Amino acid sequence: MKTTTKNQYAYANKILIALVSAVFGYNLYQAIVHPDHSNIALSLILVVLTSIMVRKYGNKPTKEKQKDI
């Protein structure tokens, strides 16, 4: 019988990374095209916080365990 144990934060981290990447990309675009409308410092803080969270809780599922019957 094969059982898998996954990191419960892996899926949430993937969503968080995608969301932060989109926000950072948009603010980087605003900084280039419309510098008066950009808030790049706030985006950089969000990227740093996301990096800390992913390092703390991990991004990869744990190894699969096999149980022989």
C-alpha atoms as a PDB file:
ATOM      1  CA  MET A   1       0.000   0.000   0.000  1.00  0.00           C
ATOM      2  CA  LYS A   2       1.346   3.382  -0.902  1.00  0.00           C
ATOM      3  CA  THR A   3       0.672   6.433   1.216  1.00  0.00           C
ATOM      4  CA  THR A   4       1.810   9.976   0.619  1.00  0.00           C
ATOM      5  CA  THR A   5       2.434  12.641   3.198  1.00  0.00           C
ATOM      6  CA  LYS A   6       2.476  16.129   1.776  1.00  0.00           C
ATOM      7  CA  ASN A   7       3.555  19.386   3.291  1.00  0.00           C
ATOM      8  CA  GLN A   8       0.300  21.146   4.145  1.00  0.00           C
ATOM      9  CA  TYR A   9       1.780  24.534   3.220  1.00  0.00           C
ATOM     10  CA  ALA A  10       3.077  23.551  -0.241  1.00  0.00           C
ATOM     11  CA  TYR A  11      -0.145  24.436  -2.084  1.00  0.00           C
ATOM     12  CA  ALA A  12      -0.643  27.685  -0.157  1.00  0.00           C
ATOM     13  CA  ASN A  13       2.946  28.692  -0.853  1.00  0.00           C
ATOM     14  CA  LYS A  14       2.486  28.150  -4.594  1.00  0.00           C
ATOM     15  CA  ILE A  15      -0.597  30.376  -4.606  1.00  0.00           C
ATOM     16  CA  LEU A  16       1.183  32.999  -2.498  1.00  0.00           C
ATOM     17  CA  ILE A  17       4.175  33.020  -4.853  1.00  0.00           C
ATOM     18  CA  ALA A  18       1.938  33.436  -7.905  1.00  0.00           C
ATOM     19  CA  LEU A  19      -0.022  36.265  -6.304  1.00  0.00           C
ATOM     20  CA  VAL A  20       3.061  38.126  -5.114  1.00  0.00           C
ATOM     21  CA  SER A  21       4.721  37.693  -8.505  1.00  0.00           C
ATOM     22  CA  ALA A  22       1.695  39.204 -10.232  1.00  0.00           C
ATOM     23  CA  VAL A  23       1.568  42.177  -7.842  1.00  0.00           C
ATOM     24  CA  PHE A  24       5.317  42.747  -8.110  1.00  0.00           C
ATOM     25  CA  GLY A  25       5.199  42.501 -11.910  1.00  0.00           C
ATOM     26  CA  TYR A  26       2.383  45.017 -12.124  1.00  0.00           C
ATOM     27  CA  ASN A  27       4.159  47.463  -9.804  1.00  0.00           C
ATOM     28  CA  LEU A  28       7.409  47.040 -11.724  1.00  0.00           C
ATOM     29  CA  TYR A  29       5.509  47.863 -14.919  1.00  0.00           C
ATOM     30  CA  GLN A  30       4.021  50.935 -13.216  1.00  0.00           C
ATOM     31  CA  ALA A  31       7.490  52.020 -12.053  1.00  0.00           C
ATOM     32  CA  ILE A  32       8.769  51.870 -15.625  1.00  0.00           C
ATOM     33  CA  VAL A  33       5.779  53.334 -17.485  1.00  0.00           C
ATOM     34  CA  HIS A  34       4.138  55.619 -14.889  1.00  0.00           C
ATOM     35  CA  PRO A  35       6.642  56.343 -12.097  1.00  0.00           C
ATOM     36  CA  ASP A  36       4.226  58.667 -10.310  1.00  0.00           C
ATOM     37  CA  HIS A  37       1.671  55.817  -9.857  1.00  0.00           C
ATOM     38  CA  SER A  38       4.076  53.116  -8.676  1.00  0.00           C
ATOM     39  CA  ASN A  39       4.580  51.754  -5.198  1.00  0.00           C
ATOM     40  CA  ILE A  40       7.589  49.512  -5.728  1.00  0.00           C
ATOM     41  CA  ALA A  41       8.780  49.680  -2.104  1.00  0.00           C
ATOM     42  CA  LEU A  42       5.586  48.043  -0.864  1.00  0.00           C
ATOM     43  CA  SER A  43       5.977  45.298  -3.462  1.00  0.00           C
ATOM     44  CA  LEU A  44       9.566  44.645  -2.426  1.00  0.00           C
ATOM     45  CA  ILE A  45       8.447  44.258   1.197  1.00  0.00           C
ATOM     46  CA  LEU A  46       5.788  41.778   0.042  1.00  0.00           C
ATOM     47  CA  VAL A  47       8.393  39.792  -1.918  1.00  0.00           C
ATOM     48  CA  VAL A  48      10.710  39.630   1.097  1.00  0.00           C
ATOM     49  CA  LEU A  49       7.895  38.462   3.385  1.00  0.00           C
ATOM     50  CA  THR A  50       6.908  35.786   0.869  1.00  0.00           C
ATOM     51  CA  SER A  51      10.491  34.585   0.644  1.00  0.00           C
ATOM     52  CA  ILE A  52      10.679  34.295   4.430  1.00  0.00           C
ATOM     53  CA  MET A  53       7.408  32.361   4.607  1.00  0.00           C
ATOM     54  CA  VAL A  54       8.453  29.898   1.899  1.00  0.00           C
ATOM     55  CA  ARG A  55      11.797  29.288   3.570  1.00  0.00           C
ATOM     56  CA  LYS A  56      10.161  28.801   6.945  1.00  0.00           C
ATOM     57  CA  TYR A  57       7.353  26.459   5.894  1.00  0.00           C
ATOM     58  CA  GLY A  58       8.949  24.855   2.836  1.00  0.00           C
ATOM     59  CA  ASN A  59       7.784  24.588  -0.714  1.00  0.00           C
ATOM     60  CA  LYS A  60       8.277  20.906  -1.519  1.00  0.00           C
ATOM     61  CA  PRO A  61       6.172  17.963  -0.421  1.00  0.00           C
ATOM     62  CA  THR A  62       7.834  15.474   1.897  1.00  0.00           C
ATOM     63  CA  LYS A  63       9.090  12.120   0.624  1.00  0.00           C
ATOM     64  CA  GLU A  64       6.635   9.352  -0.099  1.00  0.00           C
ATOM     65  CA  LYS A  65       6.621   6.486   2.371  1.00  0.00           C
ATOM     66  CA  GLN A  66       5.908   2.910   1.436  1.00  0.00           C
ATOM     67  CA  LYS A  67       4.244   0.497   3.815  1.00  0.00           C
ATOM     68  CA  ASP A  68       4.467  -3.200   3.096  1.00  0.00           C
ATOM     69  CA  ILE A  69       1.543  -5.392   4.130  1.00  0.00           C
END
